[in-house]
Amino acid sequence: MNTQLENELKQLIIDKLGLEDINADDIDSAAPLFGDDGLGLDSVDALELGLAVQKHFDFQMDSESQELRTHFFSVRTLADFIATQKG
């Protein structure tokens, strides 16, 4: 588990998606990013977040990959994915 990377991701989500009403501590690393159970992000947020992650962490993602949805499930799964890309 990479807590520092998870916190960096939470702040990126807040900054890039304009979520002024919450702070990083309000985001559960294991909660879904999309849908009603977690942060409630939508498909537009997904595109913005994907671009922000690629730019911030300096790597390209295959937008056609079916696995991408799995990687973007939660802050934790996204942090794990980024760690493998940077590794």
PDB file of N, CA and C in Angstrom:
ATOM      1  N   MET A   1       0.851  -1.184   0.000  1.00  0.00           N
ATOM      2  CA  MET A   1       0.000   0.000   0.000  1.00  0.00           C
ATOM      3  C   MET A   1       0.893   1.243   0.000  1.00  0.00           C
ATOM      4  N   ASN A   2       0.585   2.189  -0.864  1.00  0.00           N
ATOM      5  CA  ASN A   2       1.392   3.390  -1.006  1.00  0.00           C
ATOM      6  C   ASN A   2       0.575   4.603  -0.557  1.00  0.00           C
ATOM      7  N   THR A   3       0.616   4.876   0.739  1.00  0.00           N
ATOM      8  CA  THR A   3      -0.213   5.941   1.310  1.00  0.00           C
ATOM      9  C   THR A   3       0.143   7.304   0.739  1.00  0.00           C
ATOM     10  N   GLN A   4       1.422   7.557   0.536  1.00  0.00           N
ATOM     11  CA  GLN A   4       1.835   8.855  -0.013  1.00  0.00           C
ATOM     12  C   GLN A   4       1.267   9.053  -1.420  1.00  0.00           C
ATOM     13  N   LEU A   5       1.346   8.025  -2.249  1.00  0.00           N
ATOM     14  CA  LEU A   5       0.808   8.092  -3.606  1.00  0.00           C
ATOM     15  C   LEU A   5      -0.718   8.244  -3.563  1.00  0.00           C
ATOM     16  N   GLU A   6      -1.386   7.533  -2.663  1.00  0.00           N
ATOM     17  CA  GLU A   6      -2.841   7.662  -2.528  1.00  0.00           C
ATOM     18  C   GLU A   6      -3.219   9.094  -2.152  1.00  0.00           C
ATOM     19  N   ASN A   7      -2.487   9.698  -1.214  1.00  0.00           N
ATOM     20  CA  ASN A   7      -2.784  11.078  -0.811  1.00  0.00           C
ATOM     21  C   ASN A   7      -2.522  12.059  -1.945  1.00  0.00           C
ATOM     22  N   GLU A   8      -1.467  11.812  -2.712  1.00  0.00           N
ATOM     23  CA  GLU A   8      -1.169  12.652  -3.873  1.00  0.00           C
ATOM     24  C   GLU A   8      -2.296  12.556  -4.901  1.00  0.00           C
ATOM     25  N   LEU A   9      -2.798  11.343  -5.103  1.00  0.00           N
ATOM     26  CA  LEU A   9      -3.923  11.128  -6.028  1.00  0.00           C
ATOM     27  C   LEU A   9      -5.194  11.822  -5.547  1.00  0.00           C
ATOM     28  N   LYS A  10      -5.469  11.721  -4.257  1.00  0.00           N
ATOM     29  CA  LYS A  10      -6.662  12.367  -3.696  1.00  0.00           C
ATOM     30  C   LYS A  10      -6.607  13.870  -3.936  1.00  0.00           C
ATOM     31  N   GLN A  11      -5.441  14.467  -3.712  1.00  0.00           N
ATOM     32  CA  GLN A  11      -5.313  15.904  -3.924  1.00  0.00           C
ATOM     33  C   GLN A  11      -5.454  16.252  -5.404  1.00  0.00           C
ATOM     34  N   LEU A  12      -4.915  15.407  -6.279  1.00  0.00           N
ATOM     35  CA  LEU A  12      -5.049  15.609  -7.721  1.00  0.00           C
ATOM     36  C   LEU A  12      -6.526  15.564  -8.125  1.00  0.00           C
ATOM     37  N   ILE A  13      -7.262  14.603  -7.599  1.00  0.00           N
ATOM     38  CA  ILE A  13      -8.700  14.484  -7.889  1.00  0.00           C
ATOM     39  C   ILE A  13      -9.431  15.746  -7.439  1.00  0.00           C
ATOM     40  N   ILE A  14      -9.149  16.202  -6.235  1.00  0.00           N
ATOM     41  CA  ILE A  14      -9.808  17.395  -5.699  1.00  0.00           C
ATOM     42  C   ILE A  14      -9.491  18.620  -6.564  1.00  0.00           C
ATOM     43  N   ASP A  15      -8.208  18.794  -6.886  1.00  0.00           N
ATOM     44  CA  ASP A  15      -7.773  19.970  -7.646  1.00  0.00           C
ATOM     45  C   ASP A  15      -8.300  19.958  -9.079  1.00  0.00           C
ATOM     46  N   LYS A  16      -8.138  18.841  -9.778  1.00  0.00           N
ATOM     47  CA  LYS A  16      -8.487  18.773 -11.201  1.00  0.00           C
ATOM     48  C   LYS A  16      -9.984  18.713 -11.449  1.00  0.00           C
ATOM     49  N   LEU A  17     -10.745  18.169 -10.490  1.00  0.00           N
ATOM     50  CA  LEU A  17     -12.191  18.044 -10.702  1.00  0.00           C
ATOM     51  C   LEU A  17     -12.976  19.107  -9.944  1.00  0.00           C
ATOM     52  N   GLY A  18     -12.266  20.030  -9.294  1.00  0.00           N
ATOM     53  CA  GLY A  18     -12.922  21.148  -8.626  1.00  0.00           C
ATOM     54  C   GLY A  18     -13.824  20.739  -7.473  1.00  0.00           C
ATOM     55  N   LEU A  19     -13.372  19.782  -6.686  1.00  0.00           N
ATOM     56  CA  LEU A  19     -14.172  19.303  -5.550  1.00  0.00           C
ATOM     57  C   LEU A  19     -13.820  20.118  -4.304  1.00  0.00           C
ATOM     58  N   GLU A  20     -14.260  21.378  -4.272  1.00  0.00           N
ATOM     59  CA  GLU A  20     -13.882  22.290  -3.186  1.00  0.00           C
ATOM     60  C   GLU A  20     -14.473  21.901  -1.841  1.00  0.00           C
ATOM     61  N   ASP A  21     -15.550  21.151  -1.831  1.00  0.00           N
ATOM     62  CA  ASP A  21     -16.274  20.849  -0.593  1.00  0.00           C
ATOM     63  C   ASP A  21     -15.637  19.730   0.229  1.00  0.00           C
ATOM     64  N   ILE A  22     -14.619  19.081  -0.313  1.00  0.00           N
ATOM     65  CA  ILE A  22     -14.010  17.966   0.416  1.00  0.00           C
ATOM     66  C   ILE A  22     -12.490  18.132   0.472  1.00  0.00           C
ATOM     67  N   ASN A  23     -11.872  17.426   1.417  1.00  0.00           N
ATOM     68  CA  ASN A  23     -10.414  17.389   1.450  1.00  0.00           C
ATOM     69  C   ASN A  23      -9.964  15.934   1.341  1.00  0.00           C
ATOM     70  N   ALA A  24      -8.662  15.735   1.250  1.00  0.00           N
ATOM     71  CA  ALA A  24      -8.131  14.388   1.014  1.00  0.00           C
ATOM     72  C   ALA A  24      -8.569  13.395   2.080  1.00  0.00           C
ATOM     73  N   ASP A  25      -8.707  13.846   3.316  1.00  0.00           N
ATOM     74  CA  ASP A  25      -9.112  12.945   4.393  1.00  0.00           C
ATOM     75  C   ASP A  25     -10.547  12.449   4.239  1.00  0.00           C
ATOM     76  N   ASP A  26     -11.361  13.168   3.466  1.00  0.00           N
ATOM     77  CA  ASP A  26     -12.754  12.783   3.251  1.00  0.00           C
ATOM     78  C   ASP A  26     -12.900  11.644   2.237  1.00  0.00           C
ATOM     79  N   ILE A  27     -11.852  11.390   1.472  1.00  0.00           N
ATOM     80  CA  ILE A  27     -11.913  10.368   0.421  1.00  0.00           C
ATOM     81  C   ILE A  27     -11.382   9.053   0.966  1.00  0.00           C
ATOM     82  N   ASP A  28     -12.230   8.030   0.953  1.00  0.00           N
ATOM     83  CA  ASP A  28     -11.836   6.682   1.363  1.00  0.00           C
ATOM     84  C   ASP A  28     -11.072   6.036   0.204  1.00  0.00           C
ATOM     85  N   SER A  29      -9.843   5.624   0.457  1.00  0.00           N
ATOM     86  CA  SER A  29      -8.997   5.048  -0.598  1.00  0.00           C
ATOM     87  C   SER A  29      -9.604   3.818  -1.253  1.00  0.00           C
ATOM     88  N   ALA A  30     -10.434   3.091  -0.516  1.00  0.00           N
ATOM     89  CA  ALA A  30     -11.013   1.852  -1.045  1.00  0.00           C
ATOM     90  C   ALA A  30     -12.401   2.063  -1.654  1.00  0.00           C
ATOM     91  N   ALA A  31     -12.981   3.242  -1.481  1.00  0.00           N
ATOM     92  CA  ALA A  31     -14.334   3.500  -1.991  1.00  0.00           C
ATOM     93  C   ALA A  31     -14.311   3.695  -3.508  1.00  0.00           C
ATOM     94  N   PRO A  32     -15.393   3.299  -4.182  1.00  0.00           N
ATOM     95  CA  PRO A  32     -15.465   3.498  -5.627  1.00  0.00           C
ATOM     96  C   PRO A  32     -15.384   4.985  -5.990  1.00  0.00           C
ATOM     97  N   LEU A  33     -14.686   5.280  -7.087  1.00  0.00           N
ATOM     98  CA  LEU A  33     -14.620   6.662  -7.563  1.00  0.00           C
ATOM     99  C   LEU A  33     -15.895   7.038  -8.315  1.00  0.00           C
ATOM    100  N   PHE A  34     -16.522   6.041  -8.945  1.00  0.00           N
ATOM    101  CA  PHE A  34     -17.682   6.299  -9.791  1.00  0.00           C
ATOM    102  C   PHE A  34     -18.933   5.652  -9.221  1.00  0.00           C
ATOM    103  N   GLY A  35     -20.089   6.197  -9.556  1.00  0.00           N
ATOM    104  CA  GLY A  35     -21.350   5.648  -9.084  1.00  0.00           C
ATOM    105  C   GLY A  35     -21.764   6.253  -7.762  1.00  0.00           C
ATOM    106  N   ASP A  36     -22.859   5.770  -7.234  1.00  0.00           N
ATOM    107  CA  ASP A  36     -23.472   6.356  -6.039  1.00  0.00           C
ATOM    108  C   ASP A  36     -22.803   5.944  -4.737  1.00  0.00           C
ATOM    109  N   ASP A  37     -21.993   4.878  -4.766  1.00  0.00           N
ATOM    110  CA  ASP A  37     -21.421   4.354  -3.526  1.00  0.00           C
ATOM    111  C   ASP A  37     -20.195   5.108  -3.036  1.00  0.00           C
ATOM    112  N   GLY A  38     -19.519   5.819  -3.920  1.00  0.00           N
ATOM    113  CA  GLY A  38     -18.277   6.471  -3.536  1.00  0.00           C
ATOM    114  C   GLY A  38     -18.313   7.966  -3.778  1.00  0.00           C
ATOM    115  N   LEU A  39     -17.346   8.443  -4.557  1.00  0.00           N
ATOM    116  CA  LEU A  39     -17.264   9.880  -4.854  1.00  0.00           C
ATOM    117  C   LEU A  39     -18.344  10.337  -5.823  1.00  0.00           C
ATOM    118  N   GLY A  40     -18.890   9.411  -6.590  1.00  0.00           N
ATOM    119  CA  GLY A  40     -19.963   9.772  -7.519  1.00  0.00           C
ATOM    120  C   GLY A  40     -19.479  10.480  -8.769  1.00  0.00           C
ATOM    121  N   LEU A  41     -18.254  10.202  -9.196  1.00  0.00           N
ATOM    122  CA  LEU A  41     -17.743  10.812 -10.412  1.00  0.00           C
ATOM    123  C   LEU A  41     -18.470  10.244 -11.628  1.00  0.00           C
ATOM    124  N   ASP A  42     -18.466  11.017 -12.721  1.00  0.00           N
ATOM    125  CA  ASP A  42     -19.146  10.568 -13.940  1.00  0.00           C
ATOM    126  C   ASP A  42     -18.140  10.392 -15.082  1.00  0.00           C
ATOM    127  N   SER A  43     -18.643  10.128 -16.279  1.00  0.00           N
ATOM    128  CA  SER A  43     -17.760   9.828 -17.406  1.00  0.00           C
ATOM    129  C   SER A  43     -16.901  11.030 -17.808  1.00  0.00           C
ATOM    130  N   VAL A  44     -17.418  12.235 -17.682  1.00  0.00           N
ATOM    131  CA  VAL A  44     -16.628  13.431 -17.973  1.00  0.00           C
ATOM    132  C   VAL A  44     -15.484  13.546 -16.969  1.00  0.00           C
ATOM    133  N   ASP A  45     -15.798  13.290 -15.694  1.00  0.00           N
ATOM    134  CA  ASP A  45     -14.760  13.287 -14.659  1.00  0.00           C
ATOM    135  C   ASP A  45     -13.697  12.230 -14.974  1.00  0.00           C
ATOM    136  N   ALA A  46     -14.132  11.081 -15.486  1.00  0.00           N
ATOM    137  CA  ALA A  46     -13.198   9.997 -15.812  1.00  0.00           C
ATOM    138  C   ALA A  46     -12.191  10.453 -16.866  1.00  0.00           C
ATOM    139  N   LEU A  47     -12.672  11.144 -17.885  1.00  0.00           N
ATOM    140  CA  LEU A  47     -11.779  11.642 -18.932  1.00  0.00           C
ATOM    141  C   LEU A  47     -10.799  12.660 -18.369  1.00  0.00           C
ATOM    142  N   GLU A  48     -11.307  13.608 -17.586  1.00  0.00           N
ATOM    143  CA  GLU A  48     -10.448  14.632 -16.996  1.00  0.00           C
ATOM    144  C   GLU A  48      -9.423  14.012 -16.063  1.00  0.00           C
ATOM    145  N   LEU A  49      -9.859  13.065 -15.255  1.00  0.00           N
ATOM    146  CA  LEU A  49      -8.966  12.412 -14.310  1.00  0.00           C
ATOM    147  C   LEU A  49      -7.894  11.606 -15.045  1.00  0.00           C
ATOM    148  N   GLY A  50      -8.302  10.905 -16.091  1.00  0.00           N
ATOM    149  CA  GLY A  50      -7.341  10.126 -16.875  1.00  0.00           C
ATOM    150  C   GLY A  50      -6.255  11.006 -17.470  1.00  0.00           C
ATOM    151  N   LEU A  51      -6.654  12.144 -18.032  1.00  0.00           N
ATOM    152  CA  LEU A  51      -5.680  13.081 -18.602  1.00  0.00           C
ATOM    153  C   LEU A  51      -4.780  13.662 -17.523  1.00  0.00           C
ATOM    154  N   ALA A  52      -5.365  14.017 -16.388  1.00  0.00           N
ATOM    155  CA  ALA A  52      -4.594  14.594 -15.284  1.00  0.00           C
ATOM    156  C   ALA A  52      -3.564  13.599 -14.751  1.00  0.00           C
ATOM    157  N   VAL A  53      -3.970  12.340 -14.615  1.00  0.00           N
ATOM    158  CA  VAL A  53      -3.061  11.306 -14.120  1.00  0.00           C
ATOM    159  C   VAL A  53      -1.904  11.112 -15.091  1.00  0.00           C
ATOM    160  N   GLN A  54      -2.213  11.042 -16.389  1.00  0.00           N
ATOM    161  CA  GLN A  54      -1.163  10.856 -17.391  1.00  0.00           C
ATOM    162  C   GLN A  54      -0.172  12.018 -17.380  1.00  0.00           C
ATOM    163  N   LYS A  55      -0.686  13.229 -17.273  1.00  0.00           N
ATOM    164  CA  LYS A  55       0.173  14.414 -17.281  1.00  0.00           C
ATOM    165  C   LYS A  55       0.992  14.503 -15.984  1.00  0.00           C
ATOM    166  N   HIS A  56       0.329  14.305 -14.858  1.00  0.00           N
ATOM    167  CA  HIS A  56       0.981  14.453 -13.561  1.00  0.00           C
ATOM    168  C   HIS A  56       2.061  13.395 -13.329  1.00  0.00           C
ATOM    169  N   PHE A  57       1.767  12.161 -13.719  1.00  0.00           N
ATOM    170  CA  PHE A  57       2.698  11.063 -13.461  1.00  0.00           C
ATOM    171  C   PHE A  57       3.528  10.688 -14.685  1.00  0.00           C
ATOM    172  N   ASP A  58       3.324  11.408 -15.797  1.00  0.00           N
ATOM    173  CA  ASP A  58       4.145  11.308 -17.000  1.00  0.00           C
ATOM    174  C   ASP A  58       4.211   9.898 -17.592  1.00  0.00           C
ATOM    175  N   PHE A  59       3.061   9.348 -17.916  1.00  0.00           N
ATOM    176  CA  PHE A  59       2.999   8.100 -18.674  1.00  0.00           C
ATOM    177  C   PHE A  59       1.692   8.079 -19.462  1.00  0.00           C
ATOM    178  N   GLN A  60       1.648   7.233 -20.484  1.00  0.00           N
ATOM    179  CA  GLN A  60       0.471   7.119 -21.336  1.00  0.00           C
ATOM    180  C   GLN A  60      -0.344   5.890 -20.958  1.00  0.00           C
ATOM    181  N   MET A  61      -1.664   6.030 -21.041  1.00  0.00           N
ATOM    182  CA  MET A  61      -2.554   4.895 -20.806  1.00  0.00           C
ATOM    183  C   MET A  61      -3.220   4.517 -22.116  1.00  0.00           C
ATOM    184  N   ASP A  62      -3.491   3.242 -22.283  1.00  0.00           N
ATOM    185  CA  ASP A  62      -4.206   2.751 -23.450  1.00  0.00           C
ATOM    186  C   ASP A  62      -5.697   2.895 -23.188  1.00  0.00           C
ATOM    187  N   SER A  63      -6.309   3.904 -23.798  1.00  0.00           N
ATOM    188  CA  SER A  63      -7.732   4.177 -23.543  1.00  0.00           C
ATOM    189  C   SER A  63      -8.638   3.059 -24.045  1.00  0.00           C
ATOM    190  N   GLU A  64      -8.118   2.186 -24.891  1.00  0.00           N
ATOM    191  CA  GLU A  64      -8.910   1.063 -25.394  1.00  0.00           C
ATOM    192  C   GLU A  64      -8.876  -0.141 -24.454  1.00  0.00           C
ATOM    193  N   SER A  65      -7.991  -0.104 -23.488  1.00  0.00           N
ATOM    194  CA  SER A  65      -7.819  -1.241 -22.585  1.00  0.00           C
ATOM    195  C   SER A  65      -9.044  -1.445 -21.700  1.00  0.00           C
ATOM    196  N   GLN A  66      -9.535  -2.661 -21.655  1.00  0.00           N
ATOM    197  CA  GLN A  66     -10.671  -2.991 -20.804  1.00  0.00           C
ATOM    198  C   GLN A  66     -10.280  -2.962 -19.328  1.00  0.00           C
ATOM    199  N   GLU A  67      -8.990  -3.136 -19.063  1.00  0.00           N
ATOM    200  CA  GLU A  67      -8.508  -3.139 -17.689  1.00  0.00           C
ATOM    201  C   GLU A  67      -8.541  -1.752 -17.059  1.00  0.00           C
ATOM    202  N   LEU A  68      -8.619  -0.711 -17.873  1.00  0.00           N
ATOM    203  CA  LEU A  68      -8.578   0.654 -17.365  1.00  0.00           C
ATOM    204  C   LEU A  68      -9.698   0.919 -16.360  1.00  0.00           C
ATOM    205  N   ARG A  69     -10.869   0.378 -16.622  1.00  0.00           N
ATOM    206  CA  ARG A  69     -11.989   0.550 -15.675  1.00  0.00           C
ATOM    207  C   ARG A  69     -11.646  -0.035 -14.312  1.00  0.00           C
ATOM    208  N   THR A  70     -10.965  -1.171 -14.325  1.00  0.00           N
ATOM    209  CA  THR A  70     -10.561  -1.817 -13.083  1.00  0.00           C
ATOM    210  C   THR A  70      -9.555  -0.954 -12.335  1.00  0.00           C
ATOM    211  N   HIS A  71      -8.609  -0.392 -13.061  1.00  0.00           N
ATOM    212  CA  HIS A  71      -7.582   0.454 -12.440  1.00  0.00           C
ATOM    213  C   HIS A  71      -8.189   1.715 -11.829  1.00  0.00           C
ATOM    214  N   PHE A  72      -9.246   2.223 -12.418  1.00  0.00           N
ATOM    215  CA  PHE A  72      -9.874   3.453 -11.948  1.00  0.00           C
ATOM    216  C   PHE A  72     -11.018   3.196 -10.971  1.00  0.00           C
ATOM    217  N   PHE A  73     -11.088   2.002 -10.403  1.00  0.00           N
ATOM    218  CA  PHE A  73     -12.172   1.683  -9.476  1.00  0.00           C
ATOM    219  C   PHE A  73     -12.115   2.553  -8.226  1.00  0.00           C
ATOM    220  N   SER A  74     -10.933   2.667  -7.628  1.00  0.00           N
ATOM    221  CA  SER A  74     -10.790   3.432  -6.384  1.00  0.00           C
ATOM    222  C   SER A  74      -9.431   4.127  -6.383  1.00  0.00           C
ATOM    223  N   VAL A  75      -9.220   4.983  -5.409  1.00  0.00           N
ATOM    224  CA  VAL A  75      -7.914   5.631  -5.262  1.00  0.00           C
ATOM    225  C   VAL A  75      -6.834   4.562  -5.090  1.00  0.00           C
ATOM    226  N   ARG A  76      -7.120   3.540  -4.302  1.00  0.00           N
ATOM    227  CA  ARG A  76      -6.131   2.495  -4.035  1.00  0.00           C
ATOM    228  C   ARG A  76      -5.764   1.723  -5.302  1.00  0.00           C
ATOM    229  N   THR A  77      -6.756   1.318  -6.092  1.00  0.00           N
ATOM    230  CA  THR A  77      -6.456   0.568  -7.315  1.00  0.00           C
ATOM    231  C   THR A  77      -5.713   1.451  -8.320  1.00  0.00           C
ATOM    232  N   LEU A  78      -6.044   2.729  -8.351  1.00  0.00           N
ATOM    233  CA  LEU A  78      -5.361   3.650  -9.253  1.00  0.00           C
ATOM    234  C   LEU A  78      -3.914   3.872  -8.794  1.00  0.00           C
ATOM    235  N   ALA A  79      -3.702   3.990  -7.506  1.00  0.00           N
ATOM    236  CA  ALA A  79      -2.345   4.157  -6.970  1.00  0.00           C
ATOM    237  C   ALA A  79      -1.498   2.912  -7.284  1.00  0.00           C
ATOM    238  N   ASP A  80      -2.085   1.733  -7.130  1.00  0.00           N
ATOM    239  CA  ASP A  80      -1.371   0.489  -7.444  1.00  0.00           C
ATOM    240  C   ASP A  80      -0.989   0.447  -8.918  1.00  0.00           C
ATOM    241  N   PHE A  81      -1.911   0.859  -9.782  1.00  0.00           N
ATOM    242  CA  PHE A  81      -1.665   0.890 -11.230  1.00  0.00           C
ATOM    243  C   PHE A  81      -0.535   1.867 -11.567  1.00  0.00           C
ATOM    244  N   ILE A  82      -0.586   3.055 -10.982  1.00  0.00           N
ATOM    245  CA  ILE A  82       0.442   4.062 -11.244  1.00  0.00           C
ATOM    246  C   ILE A  82       1.807   3.562 -10.770  1.00  0.00           C
ATOM    247  N   ALA A  83       1.833   2.923  -9.620  1.00  0.00           N
ATOM    248  CA  ALA A  83       3.091   2.386  -9.091  1.00  0.00           C
ATOM    249  C   ALA A  83       3.700   1.372 -10.059  1.00  0.00           C
ATOM    250  N   THR A  84       2.868   0.532 -10.688  1.00  0.00           N
ATOM    251  CA  THR A  84       3.399  -0.451 -11.636  1.00  0.00           C
ATOM    252  C   THR A  84       3.877   0.231 -12.918  1.00  0.00           C
ATOM    253  N   GLN A  85       3.218   1.314 -13.319  1.00  0.00           N
ATOM    254  CA  GLN A  85       3.616   2.035 -14.524  1.00  0.00           C
ATOM    255  C   GLN A  85       4.943   2.769 -14.330  1.00  0.00           C
ATOM    256  N   LYS A  86       5.133   3.283 -13.132  1.00  0.00           N
ATOM    257  CA  LYS A  86       6.341   4.034 -12.828  1.00  0.00           C
ATOM    258  C   LYS A  86       7.495   3.123 -12.432  1.00  0.00           C
ATOM    259  N   GLY A  87       7.161   1.886 -12.007  1.00  0.00           N
ATOM    260  CA  GLY A  87       8.150   0.942 -11.494  1.00  0.00           C
ATOM    261  C   GLY A  87       9.201   0.582 -12.499  1.00  0.00           C
TER     262      GLY A  87
END
